[in-house]
Amino acid sequence: MSTPPTWQKSSFSHADGECVELAAVGGAIRLRESDDPDTVITTAPRPLRTLIRAIKAGEFDHFGA
């Protein structure tokens, strides 16, 4: 039986949920929304790094407009 992943929340998370949780599993990164923990997306570290840099640079800000 495998060990369940250790999920980590961002320090920016709200107490009432609405946060993304991450877990490292065998070289992959798993992401889930705390309000829907059964839905998990798996990616590799490099694409996730690229996504985070793009978000920080504001490349997706126009989607919220």
N, C-alpha and C. Protein backbone atom coordinates (compact mmCIF):
# COMPACT_ATOMS: atom_id res chain seq x y z
N MET A 1 0.84 -1.18 0.00
CA MET A 1 0.00 0.00 0.00
C MET A 1 0.88 1.24 0.00
N SER A 2 0.57 2.22 -0.85
CA SER A 2 1.39 3.41 -0.93
C SER A 2 0.97 4.45 0.11
N THR A 3 1.91 5.29 0.46
CA THR A 3 1.67 6.35 1.42
C THR A 3 0.90 7.48 0.75
N PRO A 4 -0.15 7.99 1.38
CA PRO A 4 -0.88 9.11 0.77
C PRO A 4 0.01 10.36 0.70
N PRO A 5 -0.21 11.21 -0.30
CA PRO A 5 0.62 12.40 -0.43
C PRO A 5 0.43 13.36 0.74
N THR A 6 1.47 14.12 1.03
CA THR A 6 1.40 15.17 2.04
C THR A 6 1.07 16.47 1.32
N TRP A 7 -0.14 16.97 1.52
CA TRP A 7 -0.61 18.17 0.84
C TRP A 7 -0.18 19.41 1.61
N GLN A 8 0.25 20.43 0.87
CA GLN A 8 0.67 21.70 1.47
C GLN A 8 -0.17 22.82 0.90
N LYS A 9 -0.63 23.71 1.78
CA LYS A 9 -1.38 24.88 1.37
C LYS A 9 -0.45 26.09 1.31
N SER A 10 -0.80 27.02 0.49
CA SER A 10 -0.07 28.27 0.40
C SER A 10 -0.23 29.06 1.69
N SER A 11 0.78 29.83 2.04
CA SER A 11 0.67 30.70 3.22
C SER A 11 -0.33 31.82 2.97
N PHE A 12 -0.74 32.01 1.72
CA PHE A 12 -1.73 33.03 1.38
C PHE A 12 -3.16 32.49 1.42
N SER A 13 -3.34 31.26 1.80
CA SER A 13 -4.66 30.63 1.82
C SER A 13 -5.58 31.28 2.84
N HIS A 14 -6.86 31.29 2.52
CA HIS A 14 -7.87 31.79 3.44
C HIS A 14 -8.30 30.66 4.37
N ALA A 15 -8.72 31.02 5.55
CA ALA A 15 -9.17 30.01 6.52
C ALA A 15 -10.44 29.30 6.05
N ASP A 16 -11.24 29.97 5.21
CA ASP A 16 -12.50 29.39 4.75
C ASP A 16 -12.37 28.59 3.46
N GLY A 17 -11.18 28.19 3.11
CA GLY A 17 -10.97 27.40 1.89
C GLY A 17 -10.44 28.25 0.77
N GLU A 18 -10.90 27.99 -0.44
CA GLU A 18 -10.48 28.73 -1.62
C GLU A 18 -8.96 28.74 -1.79
N CYS A 19 -8.35 27.58 -1.68
CA CYS A 19 -6.90 27.56 -1.85
C CYS A 19 -6.47 26.33 -2.66
N VAL A 20 -5.31 26.46 -3.24
CA VAL A 20 -4.71 25.37 -3.99
C VAL A 20 -3.74 24.65 -3.06
N GLU A 21 -3.75 23.33 -3.13
CA GLU A 21 -2.83 22.52 -2.35
C GLU A 21 -1.92 21.76 -3.31
N LEU A 22 -0.66 21.59 -2.92
CA LEU A 22 0.31 20.88 -3.75
C LEU A 22 0.92 19.73 -2.96
N ALA A 23 1.31 18.69 -3.69
CA ALA A 23 2.01 17.54 -3.09
C ALA A 23 3.02 17.01 -4.11
N ALA A 24 4.21 16.69 -3.64
CA ALA A 24 5.23 16.07 -4.49
C ALA A 24 5.10 14.56 -4.35
N VAL A 25 4.98 13.88 -5.50
CA VAL A 25 4.80 12.42 -5.49
C VAL A 25 5.66 11.83 -6.60
N GLY A 26 6.73 11.15 -6.22
CA GLY A 26 7.57 10.46 -7.20
C GLY A 26 8.09 11.33 -8.33
N GLY A 27 8.51 12.54 -8.04
CA GLY A 27 9.05 13.44 -9.06
C GLY A 27 7.99 14.26 -9.78
N ALA A 28 6.72 13.98 -9.53
CA ALA A 28 5.63 14.74 -10.12
C ALA A 28 5.04 15.68 -9.07
N ILE A 29 4.32 16.67 -9.53
CA ILE A 29 3.63 17.60 -8.64
C ILE A 29 2.13 17.41 -8.84
N ARG A 30 1.43 17.23 -7.75
CA ARG A 30 -0.03 17.12 -7.81
C ARG A 30 -0.64 18.40 -7.24
N LEU A 31 -1.70 18.86 -7.88
CA LEU A 31 -2.41 20.06 -7.45
C LEU A 31 -3.89 19.73 -7.26
N ARG A 32 -4.50 20.36 -6.28
CA ARG A 32 -5.93 20.20 -6.09
C ARG A 32 -6.48 21.47 -5.43
N GLU A 33 -7.77 21.67 -5.58
CA GLU A 33 -8.49 22.76 -4.93
C GLU A 33 -9.00 22.22 -3.60
N SER A 34 -8.80 22.96 -2.53
CA SER A 34 -9.19 22.45 -1.22
C SER A 34 -10.69 22.17 -1.12
N ASP A 35 -11.50 22.88 -1.89
CA ASP A 35 -12.95 22.65 -1.86
C ASP A 35 -13.37 21.42 -2.66
N ASP A 36 -12.47 20.86 -3.47
CA ASP A 36 -12.77 19.69 -4.30
C ASP A 36 -11.55 18.76 -4.30
N PRO A 37 -11.21 18.17 -3.14
CA PRO A 37 -9.97 17.42 -3.01
C PRO A 37 -9.87 16.13 -3.82
N ASP A 38 -10.99 15.66 -4.38
CA ASP A 38 -10.95 14.43 -5.17
C ASP A 38 -10.51 14.69 -6.61
N THR A 39 -10.51 15.95 -7.04
CA THR A 39 -10.05 16.30 -8.38
C THR A 39 -8.60 16.74 -8.29
N VAL A 40 -7.71 15.97 -8.91
CA VAL A 40 -6.27 16.22 -8.81
C VAL A 40 -5.67 16.34 -10.20
N ILE A 41 -4.83 17.34 -10.39
CA ILE A 41 -4.08 17.53 -11.63
C ILE A 41 -2.63 17.19 -11.34
N THR A 42 -1.99 16.45 -12.24
CA THR A 42 -0.59 16.07 -12.06
C THR A 42 0.24 16.71 -13.16
N THR A 43 1.38 17.28 -12.77
CA THR A 43 2.29 17.91 -13.71
C THR A 43 3.72 17.66 -13.25
N ALA A 44 4.67 18.14 -14.02
CA ALA A 44 6.08 18.05 -13.66
C ALA A 44 6.53 19.40 -13.10
N PRO A 45 7.62 19.43 -12.37
CA PRO A 45 8.08 20.68 -11.77
C PRO A 45 8.33 21.81 -12.78
N ARG A 46 8.94 21.50 -13.89
CA ARG A 46 9.30 22.55 -14.86
C ARG A 46 8.08 23.27 -15.44
N PRO A 47 7.05 22.57 -15.94
CA PRO A 47 5.87 23.29 -16.43
C PRO A 47 5.16 24.08 -15.33
N LEU A 48 5.15 23.56 -14.11
CA LEU A 48 4.53 24.29 -13.01
C LEU A 48 5.30 25.57 -12.73
N ARG A 49 6.61 25.50 -12.74
CA ARG A 49 7.44 26.69 -12.54
C ARG A 49 7.14 27.74 -13.60
N THR A 50 7.02 27.30 -14.85
CA THR A 50 6.72 28.21 -15.96
C THR A 50 5.36 28.86 -15.75
N LEU A 51 4.37 28.10 -15.34
CA LEU A 51 3.03 28.64 -15.08
C LEU A 51 3.07 29.67 -13.96
N ILE A 52 3.73 29.36 -12.87
CA ILE A 52 3.80 30.29 -11.73
C ILE A 52 4.48 31.59 -12.14
N ARG A 53 5.56 31.50 -12.89
CA ARG A 53 6.25 32.73 -13.36
C ARG A 53 5.33 33.57 -14.24
N ALA A 54 4.57 32.91 -15.11
CA ALA A 54 3.64 33.64 -16.00
C ALA A 54 2.54 34.31 -15.19
N ILE A 55 2.03 33.64 -14.19
CA ILE A 55 0.99 34.22 -13.34
C ILE A 55 1.55 35.45 -12.61
N LYS A 56 2.72 35.31 -12.03
CA LYS A 56 3.34 36.43 -11.31
C LYS A 56 3.63 37.60 -12.24
N ALA A 57 3.93 37.31 -13.49
CA ALA A 57 4.23 38.37 -14.48
C ALA A 57 2.97 39.03 -15.00
N GLY A 58 1.80 38.52 -14.62
CA GLY A 58 0.54 39.13 -15.05
C GLY A 58 0.06 38.70 -16.41
N GLU A 59 0.61 37.62 -16.95
CA GLU A 59 0.25 37.18 -18.30
C GLU A 59 -1.19 36.70 -18.43
N PHE A 60 -1.86 36.43 -17.31
CA PHE A 60 -3.24 35.95 -17.35
C PHE A 60 -4.22 36.94 -16.75
N ASP A 61 -3.76 38.13 -16.43
CA ASP A 61 -4.62 39.13 -15.79
C ASP A 61 -5.83 39.49 -16.63
N HIS A 62 -5.72 39.42 -17.94
CA HIS A 62 -6.84 39.81 -18.81
C HIS A 62 -8.02 38.83 -18.70
N PHE A 63 -7.81 37.63 -18.17
CA PHE A 63 -8.91 36.66 -18.02
C PHE A 63 -9.89 37.10 -16.94
N GLY A 64 -9.44 37.86 -15.98
CA GLY A 64 -10.32 38.31 -14.90
C GLY A 64 -11.08 39.58 -15.23
N ALA A 65 -10.80 40.15 -16.38
CA ALA A 65 -11.44 41.43 -16.75
C ALA A 65 -12.83 41.26 -17.26
